[in-house]
Amino acid sequence: MPHGLSLINTIAAGLGLALIFGFAAARLKLPALVGYLLAGVVIGPYTPGFVADAEIASQLAEIGVMLLMFGVGLHFSLDDLMSVRKIALPGAVVQMAVATLLGMGVATLWGWDLGGALVFGLALSVASTVVLLRALETLGILDSFTGRIAVGWLVVEDLAMVLVLVLLPPLASWLAGSGEAGDPLALWEMLGMTLLQVGGFVVLMLVVGRRLFPWLLWQVARTASRELFTLCVVAAAVSIAFASSELFGVSFALGAFFAGMVMRESEFSHRAAEESLPLRDAFAVLFFVSVGMLFDPWVLLERPFQVLAVVAIIVVGKSIAAAALVIAFRYPLGTALTVSASLAQIGEFSFILVGLGISLNLLPREGQSLVLAGALISIALNPLVFRCVEPFRQWLNTRSSWARKLELRDDPLAELPMSTDQRFLSRQVVLVGYGRVGRRIAEALRSANVPFVIAEQNRELVERLREEGVPAVSGDAADPAVLIQAHIARARMLVIATPDTLNVRQMIATARTLNPDIETVVRTHNEEEATLLRQEDAGTVFLGEHELAQAMVRHVLTQTGSSHGSRHAGPATAPATVHPR
């Protein structure tokens, strides 16, 4: 078959079957990623019928890796990571170590050497960014504190895996027990040279790239050409990845990741993400299809107990380790279970690492199929795992005194200090959430000398607020004990400023049970949710888009001198809200 037709056939078959299987997976309430992997299995060499060109699929997958890692870098937020660093950093490192040791343990029992066992364990230790973000978005908790912990945790895992991808090639000979294994000096020289090259690339990108590429993006944006802007973004991602590999010897993945990071410095970063998203999604699909082509489905029949062991490490071992670590940091049981469910799967980084392990002759072929089987099964099970979190938490609380102690344990940050000024504990405002919205509300209350108490899940924020003399309690306000500690019974108002609307009703019910006359204020970004809250008499509901539109209308009418400005926009001191009837 001509090479050109082979390329067309591979793309057509890959995208076409990915659409069919992805749609079927979505209808079954499974992640579409499962369908993409199955599409690859169908056109792979281990199943009958049409077989796609593996070499071309591999090259398409490399482009997919570049664009995937570019997207990760483009969305990488150091600020978000720093806000949860005290739990995300040690938690991710320890959980990865536990999962890696478990994987190495079973691989050693199967007779694998050190290099294969290490690559296998590392591949089982890191969760999928794609699966995690989709799951958190579906649940509506991506912007919640629990969601930020899960995302920050995953960012640390991703950074650790980038480091692994850099260090694995120079260590391959030593891990395989050949070559420079007997010459420690040569090994250290090789590592030093690798780190020097990577360091040079990183410095170049941070010093020159973060100024040059945002400037270039600005120049292209001034042409007002959408296709040139998209071309600039994609060309930067691919060319930086390629140049970093050729000039500095670093992987495509690392080069693309830093390309995204430097692009994030531009004021057009959000537009860059949106414009490149369709192309990134298309090549990401081809990446997952190419991964599926490497999977031998016969491993499920030939090695069922090994597959079961892999799935157990991913779904059970990692989850228990993550939950234990979150609990050890004195976060609620519900947060621990949600974070552990978020990490109970593996994905794109595992596939990249497995491919590297195969190319370096470290990982046996059966290891590749076992990792892919574990990925397919764990990703398919992940929605079910999430659905079981809340019932499992309630079941534990009703049957285990230990679980109830975890929810109500003696935590100094869960109680207001005895020294708290009493003026804050009578007719005060209880403010739930200290994010972007909550912080502005608190500043306004402080300026107006209105007493308030903050309820916040982020322990680091609570510690800092207390150091500043602000009354604050740590915990989930859906737990009645948290609102009790905030003295909700003596409050004049409950203001729920978190984007998480799942537990709003529980907070309002607790507040009204303890204080029937309390006024409640809620924020939401969903019109349907606002309507439901209004129908349920949830108090004053602020709809984000509605408020923004009203503020813009007031400004426009004021600047144009319209005599109807006040009638259309309403008084400036009373922004449009959805009130209960």
Protein backbone atom coordinates (compact mmCIF):
# COMPACT_ATOMS: atom_id res chain seq x y z
CA MET A 1 0.00 0.00 0.00
CA PRO A 2 1.37 3.46 -0.86
CA HIS A 3 2.67 5.33 2.17
CA GLY A 4 0.23 8.21 1.64
CA LEU A 5 -2.78 5.89 1.53
CA SER A 6 -1.51 4.10 4.63
CA LEU A 7 -1.48 7.44 6.47
CA ILE A 8 -5.00 8.28 5.31
CA ASN A 9 -6.30 4.82 6.17
CA THR A 10 -4.77 4.95 9.63
CA ILE A 11 -6.24 8.38 10.41
CA ALA A 12 -9.64 7.56 8.90
CA ALA A 13 -9.95 4.20 10.66
CA GLY A 14 -8.62 5.58 13.94
CA LEU A 15 -10.87 8.64 14.12
CA GLY A 16 -13.93 6.84 12.69
CA LEU A 17 -13.80 3.93 15.12
CA ALA A 18 -12.87 6.25 17.98
CA LEU A 19 -16.07 8.20 17.31
CA ILE A 20 -18.20 5.05 17.27
CA PHE A 21 -16.67 3.46 20.35
CA GLY A 22 -16.35 6.78 22.18
CA PHE A 23 -20.04 7.50 21.58
CA ALA A 24 -20.96 4.01 22.79
CA ALA A 25 -18.85 4.49 25.94
CA ALA A 26 -20.50 7.84 26.65
CA ARG A 27 -23.97 6.29 26.26
CA LEU A 28 -22.94 3.66 28.80
CA LYS A 29 -21.89 6.44 31.19
CA LEU A 30 -18.21 5.51 30.76
CA PRO A 31 -15.34 7.90 29.93
CA ALA A 32 -14.99 8.30 26.15
CA LEU A 33 -11.31 7.44 26.65
CA VAL A 34 -12.35 3.79 27.09
CA GLY A 35 -13.88 3.89 23.60
CA TYR A 36 -10.75 5.39 22.07
CA LEU A 37 -8.57 2.65 23.54
CA LEU A 38 -10.98 -0.05 22.33
CA ALA A 39 -10.90 1.48 18.84
CA GLY A 40 -7.15 1.00 18.87
CA VAL A 41 -7.55 -2.62 19.97
CA VAL A 42 -9.88 -3.27 17.02
CA ILE A 43 -7.42 -1.94 14.41
CA GLY A 44 -4.37 -3.35 16.20
CA PRO A 45 -2.33 -6.40 15.19
CA TYR A 46 -3.79 -8.62 17.93
CA THR A 47 -7.34 -8.68 16.55
CA PRO A 48 -8.60 -9.98 13.18
CA GLY A 49 -9.56 -7.69 10.29
CA PHE A 50 -8.03 -4.40 9.21
CA VAL A 51 -4.65 -3.61 10.82
CA ALA A 52 -3.48 0.01 10.80
CA ASP A 53 0.11 0.99 10.07
CA ALA A 54 1.81 0.78 13.50
CA GLU A 55 4.73 3.03 12.49
CA ILE A 56 2.49 5.82 11.24
CA ALA A 57 0.22 5.44 14.28
CA SER A 58 3.31 5.78 16.48
CA GLN A 59 4.31 9.05 14.78
CA LEU A 60 0.80 10.41 15.11
CA ALA A 61 0.93 9.41 18.75
CA GLU A 62 4.12 11.46 19.19
CA ILE A 63 2.26 14.53 17.92
CA GLY A 64 -0.55 13.66 20.30
CA VAL A 65 1.93 13.49 23.19
CA MET A 66 3.34 16.90 22.24
CA LEU A 67 -0.08 18.54 22.15
CA LEU A 68 -1.26 16.77 25.30
CA MET A 69 1.79 17.95 27.25
CA PHE A 70 1.46 21.42 25.72
CA GLY A 71 -2.08 21.55 27.11
CA VAL A 72 -0.87 20.41 30.54
CA GLY A 73 1.74 23.18 30.56
CA LEU A 74 -0.76 25.75 29.32
CA HIS A 75 -3.07 24.99 32.25
CA PHE A 76 -0.32 24.55 34.83
CA SER A 77 -0.88 27.03 37.63
CA LEU A 78 1.84 27.42 40.21
CA ASP A 79 -0.54 29.51 42.35
CA ASP A 80 -3.12 26.71 42.48
CA LEU A 81 -0.41 24.22 43.39
CA MET A 82 1.01 26.47 46.11
CA SER A 83 -2.44 26.88 47.70
CA VAL A 84 -2.53 23.14 48.49
CA ARG A 85 1.22 22.45 48.57
CA LYS A 86 1.30 21.21 52.17
CA ILE A 87 -0.92 18.26 51.33
CA ALA A 88 -0.43 17.83 47.55
CA LEU A 89 3.37 17.72 47.56
CA PRO A 90 4.03 15.17 50.33
CA GLY A 91 0.82 13.31 49.54
CA ALA A 92 1.64 12.78 45.86
CA VAL A 93 5.26 11.80 46.56
CA VAL A 94 4.35 9.26 49.26
CA GLN A 95 1.40 7.83 47.30
CA MET A 96 3.57 7.42 44.19
CA ALA A 97 6.25 5.72 46.28
CA VAL A 98 3.70 3.29 47.78
CA ALA A 99 2.18 2.43 44.38
CA THR A 100 5.63 2.05 42.80
CA LEU A 101 6.77 -0.31 45.56
CA LEU A 102 3.59 -2.37 45.22
CA GLY A 103 4.10 -2.63 41.46
CA MET A 104 7.78 -3.50 41.88
CA GLY A 105 6.86 -6.11 44.48
CA VAL A 106 4.48 -8.06 42.25
CA ALA A 107 6.79 -7.66 39.23
CA THR A 108 9.67 -9.11 41.25
CA LEU A 109 7.47 -12.06 42.22
CA TRP A 110 6.87 -12.62 38.49
CA GLY A 111 10.63 -12.80 37.94
CA TRP A 112 11.22 -9.42 36.28
CA ASP A 113 14.52 -7.56 36.66
CA LEU A 114 14.99 -4.24 38.47
CA GLY A 115 14.54 -1.99 35.44
CA GLY A 116 11.31 -3.63 34.28
CA ALA A 117 9.89 -3.70 37.81
CA LEU A 118 10.69 -0.01 38.36
CA VAL A 119 9.11 1.14 35.09
CA PHE A 120 6.08 -1.07 35.78
CA GLY A 121 5.62 0.32 39.30
CA LEU A 122 6.01 3.93 38.17
CA ALA A 123 3.47 3.39 35.37
CA LEU A 124 0.91 2.28 37.97
CA SER A 125 1.58 5.22 40.28
CA VAL A 126 0.34 8.19 38.21
CA ALA A 127 -3.29 9.01 37.41
CA SER A 128 -4.73 10.37 34.17
CA THR A 129 -5.17 14.14 33.91
CA VAL A 130 -7.86 13.72 31.23
CA VAL A 131 -9.95 11.28 33.29
CA LEU A 132 -9.57 13.25 36.52
CA LEU A 133 -10.58 16.62 35.06
CA ARG A 134 -13.57 15.15 33.24
CA ALA A 135 -14.74 13.37 36.41
CA LEU A 136 -14.43 16.48 38.58
CA GLU A 137 -16.22 18.61 35.96
CA THR A 138 -19.06 16.07 35.76
CA LEU A 139 -19.46 16.14 39.53
CA GLY A 140 -19.28 19.94 39.57
CA ILE A 141 -16.44 19.99 42.12
CA LEU A 142 -13.51 21.02 39.92
CA ASP A 143 -13.35 24.49 41.55
CA SER A 144 -14.07 23.22 45.06
CA PHE A 145 -11.31 22.82 47.62
CA THR A 146 -11.44 19.05 47.30
CA GLY A 147 -11.12 19.46 43.53
CA ARG A 148 -8.11 21.75 43.97
CA ILE A 149 -6.42 19.18 46.21
CA ALA A 150 -6.96 16.45 43.59
CA VAL A 151 -5.71 18.64 40.74
CA GLY A 152 -2.71 19.89 42.74
CA TRP A 153 -1.90 16.30 43.69
CA LEU A 154 -1.99 15.32 40.03
CA VAL A 155 0.18 18.28 39.02
CA VAL A 156 2.87 17.06 41.43
CA GLU A 157 2.56 13.56 39.93
CA ASP A 158 2.90 15.00 36.42
CA LEU A 159 6.01 16.97 37.38
CA ALA A 160 7.52 13.88 38.98
CA MET A 161 6.84 11.88 35.82
CA VAL A 162 8.46 14.57 33.67
CA LEU A 163 11.55 14.15 35.83
CA VAL A 164 11.35 10.36 35.42
CA LEU A 165 11.16 10.71 31.62
CA VAL A 166 14.31 12.86 31.73
CA LEU A 167 16.33 10.56 34.02
CA LEU A 168 15.25 7.14 32.75
CA PRO A 169 17.28 7.09 29.47
CA PRO A 170 20.68 7.77 31.09
CA LEU A 171 19.86 5.25 33.85
CA ALA A 172 18.65 2.57 31.44
CA SER A 173 22.00 0.76 31.10
CA TRP A 174 22.50 0.62 34.86
CA LEU A 175 18.91 -0.56 35.48
CA ALA A 176 19.28 -3.23 32.82
CA GLY A 177 22.47 -4.48 34.49
CA SER A 178 24.67 -3.89 31.46
CA GLY A 179 26.96 -1.30 29.89
CA GLU A 180 28.06 1.22 32.47
CA ALA A 181 26.61 -0.80 35.34
CA GLY A 182 30.06 -1.48 36.71
CA ASP A 183 31.36 2.06 36.28
CA PRO A 184 29.70 4.44 38.76
CA LEU A 185 31.82 7.35 37.51
CA ALA A 186 30.52 6.93 33.95
CA LEU A 187 26.97 6.74 35.27
CA TRP A 188 27.35 9.96 37.24
CA GLU A 189 28.94 11.67 34.26
CA MET A 190 26.01 10.62 32.08
CA LEU A 191 23.48 11.83 34.66
CA GLY A 192 25.37 15.08 35.09
CA MET A 193 25.44 15.70 31.36
CA THR A 194 21.73 14.95 31.06
CA LEU A 195 20.81 17.27 33.92
CA LEU A 196 23.10 19.96 32.48
CA GLN A 197 21.35 19.75 29.11
CA VAL A 198 17.91 19.81 30.72
CA GLY A 199 18.97 22.68 32.98
CA GLY A 200 20.20 24.66 29.98
CA PHE A 201 16.92 24.11 28.19
CA VAL A 202 14.87 25.11 31.25
CA VAL A 203 16.92 28.28 31.80
CA LEU A 204 16.62 29.20 28.12
CA MET A 205 12.84 28.75 28.20
CA LEU A 206 12.35 30.64 31.47
CA VAL A 207 14.69 33.51 30.61
CA VAL A 208 14.17 33.90 26.86
CA GLY A 209 11.10 31.84 26.00
CA ARG A 210 8.74 33.41 28.52
CA ARG A 211 9.47 36.82 26.97
CA LEU A 212 9.88 35.87 23.32
CA PHE A 213 6.86 33.63 22.74
CA PRO A 214 4.23 35.81 24.50
CA TRP A 215 5.58 38.74 22.45
CA LEU A 216 5.32 36.65 19.27
CA LEU A 217 1.76 35.66 20.18
CA TRP A 218 0.89 39.34 20.67
CA GLN A 219 2.32 40.27 17.24
CA VAL A 220 0.30 37.53 15.53
CA ALA A 221 -2.85 38.49 17.45
CA ARG A 222 -2.54 42.04 16.09
CA THR A 223 -3.10 40.70 12.56
CA ALA A 224 -6.66 39.75 13.63
CA SER A 225 -6.25 36.49 11.73
CA ARG A 226 -7.70 33.54 13.61
CA GLU A 227 -5.97 30.92 11.47
CA LEU A 228 -2.57 32.60 11.94
CA PHE A 229 -3.11 32.72 15.69
CA THR A 230 -3.99 29.02 15.82
CA LEU A 231 -1.04 28.21 13.57
CA CYS A 232 1.29 30.19 15.82
CA VAL A 233 0.14 28.28 18.92
CA VAL A 234 0.43 24.84 17.33
CA ALA A 235 3.70 25.65 15.56
CA ALA A 236 5.20 26.85 18.84
CA ALA A 237 4.15 23.66 20.65
CA VAL A 238 5.52 21.28 18.01
CA SER A 239 8.61 23.25 17.04
CA ILE A 240 9.74 23.86 20.62
CA ALA A 241 9.25 20.16 21.40
CA PHE A 242 11.23 19.15 18.32
CA ALA A 243 14.01 21.72 18.84
CA SER A 244 14.39 20.77 22.51
CA SER A 245 14.85 17.15 21.49
CA GLU A 246 17.36 17.92 18.74
CA LEU A 247 19.41 20.60 20.51
CA PHE A 248 19.21 19.58 24.16
CA GLY A 249 18.40 15.88 23.98
CA VAL A 250 15.28 16.21 26.13
CA SER A 251 12.03 14.42 25.37
CA PHE A 252 9.25 15.77 23.18
CA ALA A 253 6.99 15.66 26.24
CA LEU A 254 9.22 17.95 28.34
CA GLY A 255 9.72 20.39 25.46
CA ALA A 256 5.99 20.65 24.80
CA PHE A 257 5.26 21.03 28.52
CA PHE A 258 7.58 24.05 28.78
CA ALA A 259 6.15 25.46 25.56
CA GLY A 260 2.76 25.50 27.27
CA MET A 261 4.24 27.02 30.43
CA VAL A 262 5.84 29.95 28.60
CA MET A 263 2.67 30.50 26.54
CA ARG A 264 0.74 30.77 29.81
CA GLU A 265 2.68 33.99 30.52
CA SER A 266 0.84 35.65 27.64
CA GLU A 267 -2.40 37.57 28.15
CA PHE A 268 -3.71 35.47 25.26
CA SER A 269 -3.14 32.15 27.05
CA HIS A 270 -6.87 31.44 27.44
CA ARG A 271 -7.44 32.14 23.77
CA ALA A 272 -4.44 29.98 22.89
CA ALA A 273 -5.96 27.12 24.88
CA GLU A 274 -9.34 27.51 23.19
CA GLU A 275 -7.95 27.86 19.65
CA SER A 276 -5.68 24.83 19.94
CA LEU A 277 -8.22 22.66 21.76
CA PRO A 278 -9.84 21.02 18.68
CA LEU A 279 -6.48 20.02 17.21
CA ARG A 280 -5.21 18.87 20.61
CA ASP A 281 -8.33 16.76 21.10
CA ALA A 282 -8.06 15.19 17.64
CA PHE A 283 -4.42 14.17 18.07
CA ALA A 284 -5.04 13.11 21.67
CA VAL A 285 -7.68 10.72 20.33
CA LEU A 286 -5.14 9.34 17.85
CA PHE A 287 -2.66 8.98 20.72
CA PHE A 288 -5.09 6.86 22.73
CA VAL A 289 -6.01 4.86 19.62
CA SER A 290 -2.32 4.13 18.99
CA VAL A 291 -1.94 3.02 22.60
CA GLY A 292 -4.91 0.68 22.21
CA MET A 293 -3.18 -0.87 19.16
CA LEU A 294 -0.40 -2.05 21.46
CA PHE A 295 -2.80 -3.93 23.75
CA ASP A 296 -3.03 -7.70 23.43
CA PRO A 297 -6.53 -8.62 24.66
CA TRP A 298 -5.45 -12.25 25.09
CA VAL A 299 -3.60 -11.18 28.22
CA LEU A 300 -6.99 -11.07 29.97
CA LEU A 301 -7.38 -14.82 29.36
CA GLU A 302 -3.74 -15.87 29.61
CA ARG A 303 -2.81 -13.86 32.73
CA PRO A 304 -6.07 -13.13 34.60
CA PHE A 305 -4.49 -13.13 38.07
CA GLN A 306 -1.73 -10.76 37.00
CA VAL A 307 -4.34 -8.41 35.50
CA LEU A 308 -6.33 -8.64 38.74
CA ALA A 309 -3.20 -7.77 40.74
CA VAL A 310 -2.56 -4.72 38.54
CA VAL A 311 -6.15 -3.49 38.90
CA ALA A 312 -6.01 -4.04 42.66
CA ILE A 313 -2.87 -1.90 42.96
CA ILE A 314 -4.43 0.89 40.89
CA VAL A 315 -7.93 0.94 42.35
CA VAL A 316 -7.39 -0.35 45.89
CA GLY A 317 -3.72 0.15 46.79
CA LYS A 318 -3.41 3.71 45.48
CA SER A 319 -6.79 4.68 46.92
CA ILE A 320 -6.01 3.42 50.41
CA ALA A 321 -2.62 5.15 50.38
CA ALA A 322 -4.12 8.46 49.19
CA ALA A 323 -7.03 8.33 51.67
CA ALA A 324 -4.71 7.52 54.58
CA LEU A 325 -2.44 10.43 53.69
CA VAL A 326 -5.32 12.93 53.44
CA ILE A 327 -6.70 11.75 56.77
CA ALA A 328 -3.21 11.99 58.29
CA PHE A 329 -3.22 15.67 57.32
CA ARG A 330 -6.44 16.03 59.34
CA TYR A 331 -8.83 16.60 56.46
CA PRO A 332 -12.39 15.22 56.60
CA LEU A 333 -13.23 11.65 55.62
CA GLY A 334 -15.31 12.84 52.65
CA THR A 335 -12.35 14.78 51.23
CA ALA A 336 -10.08 11.76 51.68
CA LEU A 337 -12.50 9.46 49.86
CA THR A 338 -13.02 11.88 46.97
CA VAL A 339 -9.28 12.43 46.46
CA SER A 340 -8.63 8.68 46.59
CA ALA A 341 -11.38 8.04 44.00
CA SER A 342 -9.81 10.71 41.76
CA LEU A 343 -6.51 8.83 41.70
CA ALA A 344 -7.91 5.30 41.28
CA GLN A 345 -6.97 5.09 37.58
CA ILE A 346 -3.99 5.48 35.27
CA GLY A 347 -3.68 7.10 31.87
CA GLU A 348 -1.58 9.07 29.43
CA PHE A 349 1.66 9.39 31.42
CA SER A 350 1.57 5.67 32.12
CA PHE A 351 1.33 5.02 28.37
CA ILE A 352 4.22 7.41 27.62
CA LEU A 353 6.39 5.77 30.29
CA VAL A 354 5.54 2.26 29.08
CA GLY A 355 6.50 3.21 25.53
CA LEU A 356 9.81 4.61 26.76
CA GLY A 357 10.42 1.50 28.86
CA ILE A 358 9.86 -0.73 25.81
CA SER A 359 12.15 1.37 23.61
CA LEU A 360 14.93 1.19 26.24
CA ASN A 361 14.50 -2.60 26.53
CA LEU A 362 13.63 -2.30 30.21
CA LEU A 363 9.98 -3.39 30.23
CA PRO A 364 8.92 -6.76 28.79
CA ARG A 365 6.09 -6.79 26.24
CA GLU A 366 3.75 -8.50 28.68
CA GLY A 367 4.23 -5.54 31.04
CA GLN A 368 2.91 -3.22 28.35
CA SER A 369 -0.25 -5.30 27.93
CA LEU A 370 -0.74 -5.57 31.71
CA VAL A 371 -0.47 -1.79 32.16
CA LEU A 372 -2.89 -1.19 29.28
CA ALA A 373 -5.33 -3.74 30.73
CA GLY A 374 -5.11 -2.00 34.10
CA ALA A 375 -5.72 1.36 32.45
CA LEU A 376 -8.76 0.17 30.50
CA ILE A 377 -10.37 -1.48 33.51
CA SER A 378 -9.56 1.27 36.03
CA ILE A 379 -10.79 4.05 33.73
CA ALA A 380 -14.02 2.11 33.07
CA LEU A 381 -14.51 1.59 36.82
CA ASN A 382 -13.71 5.19 37.81
CA PRO A 383 -17.25 6.63 37.40
CA LEU A 384 -18.58 3.79 39.56
CA VAL A 385 -15.91 4.46 42.17
CA PHE A 386 -16.96 8.12 42.33
CA ARG A 387 -20.64 7.18 42.66
CA CYS A 388 -19.78 4.93 45.61
CA VAL A 389 -17.93 7.63 47.58
CA GLU A 390 -20.89 9.26 49.35
CA PRO A 391 -22.82 6.00 50.09
CA PHE A 392 -19.60 4.45 51.38
CA ARG A 393 -18.93 7.46 53.62
CA GLN A 394 -22.45 7.29 55.06
CA TRP A 395 -22.15 3.53 55.52
CA LEU A 396 -18.89 3.98 57.41
CA ASN A 397 -20.35 6.71 59.62
CA THR A 398 -23.37 4.59 60.58
CA ARG A 399 -21.36 1.44 61.32
CA SER A 400 -17.97 2.63 62.52
CA SER A 401 -17.23 4.75 65.55
CA TRP A 402 -13.73 5.24 64.13
CA ALA A 403 -15.20 6.87 61.01
CA ARG A 404 -17.37 9.14 63.12
CA LYS A 405 -14.31 10.16 65.13
CA LEU A 406 -12.58 11.10 61.88
CA GLU A 407 -15.47 13.42 61.05
CA LEU A 408 -15.65 14.92 64.55
CA ARG A 409 -12.10 14.46 65.85
CA ASP A 410 -10.28 16.86 68.07
CA ASP A 411 -8.78 19.31 65.62
CA PRO A 412 -7.55 22.69 66.94
CA LEU A 413 -8.44 24.36 63.62
CA ALA A 414 -11.97 22.94 63.71
CA GLU A 415 -12.82 25.01 66.78
CA LEU A 416 -12.69 28.74 67.35
CA PRO A 417 -10.09 29.68 69.99
CA MET A 418 -11.44 30.61 73.41
CA SER A 419 -9.72 33.97 73.00
CA THR A 420 -11.95 34.95 70.04
CA ASP A 421 -13.42 38.43 70.47
CA GLN A 422 -17.05 38.00 71.54
CA ARG A 423 -18.23 40.71 69.16
CA PHE A 424 -17.51 38.26 66.34
CA LEU A 425 -19.84 35.69 67.89
CA SER A 426 -23.09 37.62 68.01
CA ARG A 427 -25.08 38.90 64.99
CA GLN A 428 -22.07 38.03 62.82
CA VAL A 429 -21.95 36.92 59.19
CA VAL A 430 -20.86 33.32 58.68
CA LEU A 431 -18.92 33.26 55.41
CA VAL A 432 -18.44 29.83 53.83
CA GLY A 433 -15.45 29.79 51.48
CA TYR A 434 -12.45 32.11 51.20
CA GLY A 435 -11.70 31.88 47.49
CA ARG A 436 -11.75 34.73 44.98
CA VAL A 437 -15.34 35.67 45.81
CA GLY A 438 -15.19 35.00 49.54
CA ARG A 439 -12.00 37.04 49.92
CA ARG A 440 -13.65 40.12 48.39
CA ILE A 441 -16.72 39.73 50.58
CA ALA A 442 -14.52 39.45 53.67
CA GLU A 443 -12.59 42.60 52.71
CA ALA A 444 -15.86 44.51 52.28
CA LEU A 445 -17.18 43.27 55.64
CA ARG A 446 -13.93 44.22 57.35
CA SER A 447 -14.04 47.72 55.81
CA ALA A 448 -17.62 48.16 57.01
CA ASN A 449 -16.74 46.88 60.53
CA VAL A 450 -19.23 44.01 60.18
CA PRO A 451 -18.17 41.02 62.32
CA PHE A 452 -17.79 37.72 60.46
CA VAL A 453 -16.51 34.16 60.90
CA ILE A 454 -15.05 32.18 57.99
CA ALA A 455 -15.64 28.46 57.41
CA GLU A 456 -13.04 27.09 54.99
CA GLN A 457 -11.82 23.59 54.06
CA ASN A 458 -8.26 24.69 53.29
CA ARG A 459 -6.36 24.28 56.55
CA GLU A 460 -3.45 26.38 55.29
CA LEU A 461 -5.80 29.31 54.67
CA VAL A 462 -7.37 28.89 58.11
CA GLU A 463 -3.93 28.92 59.75
CA ARG A 464 -3.01 32.11 57.90
CA LEU A 465 -6.33 33.80 58.72
CA ARG A 466 -5.91 33.05 62.41
CA GLU A 467 -2.41 34.49 62.35
CA GLU A 468 -3.98 37.67 60.94
CA GLY A 469 -6.55 37.68 63.76
CA VAL A 470 -9.51 36.66 61.58
CA PRO A 471 -11.93 34.18 63.22
CA ALA A 472 -11.96 31.04 61.05
CA VAL A 473 -12.76 27.35 61.40
CA SER A 474 -11.50 24.48 59.26
CA GLY A 475 -13.88 21.91 57.77
CA ASP A 476 -16.71 21.22 55.35
CA ALA A 477 -19.64 23.50 56.18
CA ALA A 478 -22.02 20.71 55.10
CA ASP A 479 -21.01 19.09 58.40
CA PRO A 480 -23.24 20.64 61.13
CA ALA A 481 -20.31 20.65 63.57
CA VAL A 482 -18.47 23.22 61.43
CA LEU A 483 -21.37 25.67 61.37
CA ILE A 484 -21.91 25.11 65.09
CA GLN A 485 -18.29 26.07 65.71
CA ALA A 486 -18.88 29.21 63.60
CA HIS A 487 -21.73 30.04 66.05
CA ILE A 488 -24.39 29.90 63.34
CA ALA A 489 -27.11 29.94 66.02
CA ARG A 490 -26.20 33.55 66.88
CA ALA A 491 -25.45 34.75 63.32
CA ARG A 492 -27.49 37.25 61.35
CA MET A 493 -26.56 35.86 57.92
CA LEU A 494 -25.07 32.82 56.18
CA VAL A 495 -23.15 33.66 52.99
CA ILE A 496 -22.15 30.62 50.88
CA ALA A 497 -19.38 31.85 48.57
CA THR A 498 -18.03 28.49 47.38
CA PRO A 499 -18.60 27.36 43.77
CA ASP A 500 -19.59 23.89 45.03
CA THR A 501 -23.41 23.80 45.04
CA LEU A 502 -23.69 20.10 45.91
CA ASN A 503 -23.85 20.68 49.67
CA VAL A 504 -25.60 24.07 49.71
CA ARG A 505 -28.93 22.59 50.76
CA GLN A 506 -27.37 20.77 53.72
CA MET A 507 -25.68 23.99 54.88
CA ILE A 508 -28.93 25.96 54.64
CA ALA A 509 -30.92 23.23 56.41
CA THR A 510 -28.43 23.15 59.30
CA ALA A 511 -28.38 26.93 59.59
CA ARG A 512 -32.18 27.23 59.64
CA THR A 513 -32.56 24.40 62.12
CA LEU A 514 -30.24 26.15 64.56
CA ASN A 515 -31.30 29.70 63.64
CA PRO A 516 -34.79 29.89 62.03
CA ASP A 517 -34.53 33.66 61.41
CA ILE A 518 -31.16 33.60 59.65
CA GLU A 519 -30.85 35.13 56.17
CA THR A 520 -29.05 33.03 53.57
CA VAL A 521 -27.11 34.19 50.49
CA VAL A 522 -25.87 31.75 47.81
CA ARG A 523 -23.77 32.06 44.64
CA THR A 524 -24.18 29.92 41.54
CA HIS A 525 -23.07 29.94 37.91
CA ASN A 526 -25.86 27.68 36.68
CA GLU A 527 -29.25 29.13 35.73
CA GLU A 528 -31.08 25.85 36.26
CA GLU A 529 -29.49 25.46 39.68
CA ALA A 530 -30.47 29.04 40.55
CA THR A 531 -34.08 28.28 39.59
CA LEU A 532 -34.13 25.14 41.72
CA LEU A 533 -32.65 26.96 44.71
CA ARG A 534 -35.25 29.70 44.30
CA GLN A 535 -38.06 27.14 44.22
CA GLU A 536 -36.66 25.52 47.36
CA ASP A 537 -36.61 28.88 49.18
CA ALA A 538 -32.83 28.92 49.50
CA GLY A 539 -32.69 32.63 50.23
CA THR A 540 -31.05 35.22 47.96
CA VAL A 541 -29.35 33.57 44.99
CA PHE A 542 -26.74 35.40 42.94
CA LEU A 543 -26.27 34.10 39.40
CA GLY A 544 -22.76 34.96 38.16
CA GLU A 545 -23.52 35.72 34.50
CA HIS A 546 -26.66 37.67 35.44
CA GLU A 547 -24.76 39.88 37.86
CA LEU A 548 -21.99 40.54 35.33
CA ALA A 549 -24.52 41.48 32.64
CA GLN A 550 -26.36 43.84 35.01
CA ALA A 551 -23.12 45.55 36.06
CA MET A 552 -22.13 46.06 32.41
CA VAL A 553 -25.60 47.40 31.55
CA ARG A 554 -25.42 49.91 34.41
CA HIS A 555 -22.00 51.09 33.25
CA VAL A 556 -23.05 51.41 29.60
CA LEU A 557 -26.25 53.28 30.40
CA THR A 558 -24.45 55.54 32.85
CA GLN A 559 -21.72 56.41 30.33
CA THR A 560 -24.24 57.05 27.55
CA GLY A 561 -26.30 59.28 29.84
CA SER A 562 -29.48 57.26 29.33
CA SER A 563 -32.40 58.53 31.35
CA HIS A 564 -33.68 54.96 31.49
CA GLY A 565 -30.48 53.61 33.03
CA SER A 566 -31.86 53.14 36.52
CA ARG A 567 -35.05 51.54 35.24
CA HIS A 568 -33.23 48.98 33.12
CA ALA A 569 -30.35 48.26 35.44
CA GLY A 570 -31.83 48.61 38.86
CA PRO A 571 -30.20 50.58 41.71
CA ALA A 572 -26.43 50.25 41.95
CA THR A 573 -26.65 49.18 45.57
CA ALA A 574 -29.04 46.33 44.82
CA PRO A 575 -27.69 44.14 42.04
CA ALA A 576 -30.13 41.86 40.29
CA THR A 577 -30.68 38.63 42.19
CA VAL A 578 -32.98 35.67 42.08
CA HIS A 579 -35.18 36.05 45.16
CA PRO A 580 -37.43 33.39 46.66
CA ARG A 581 -41.12 33.88 46.21
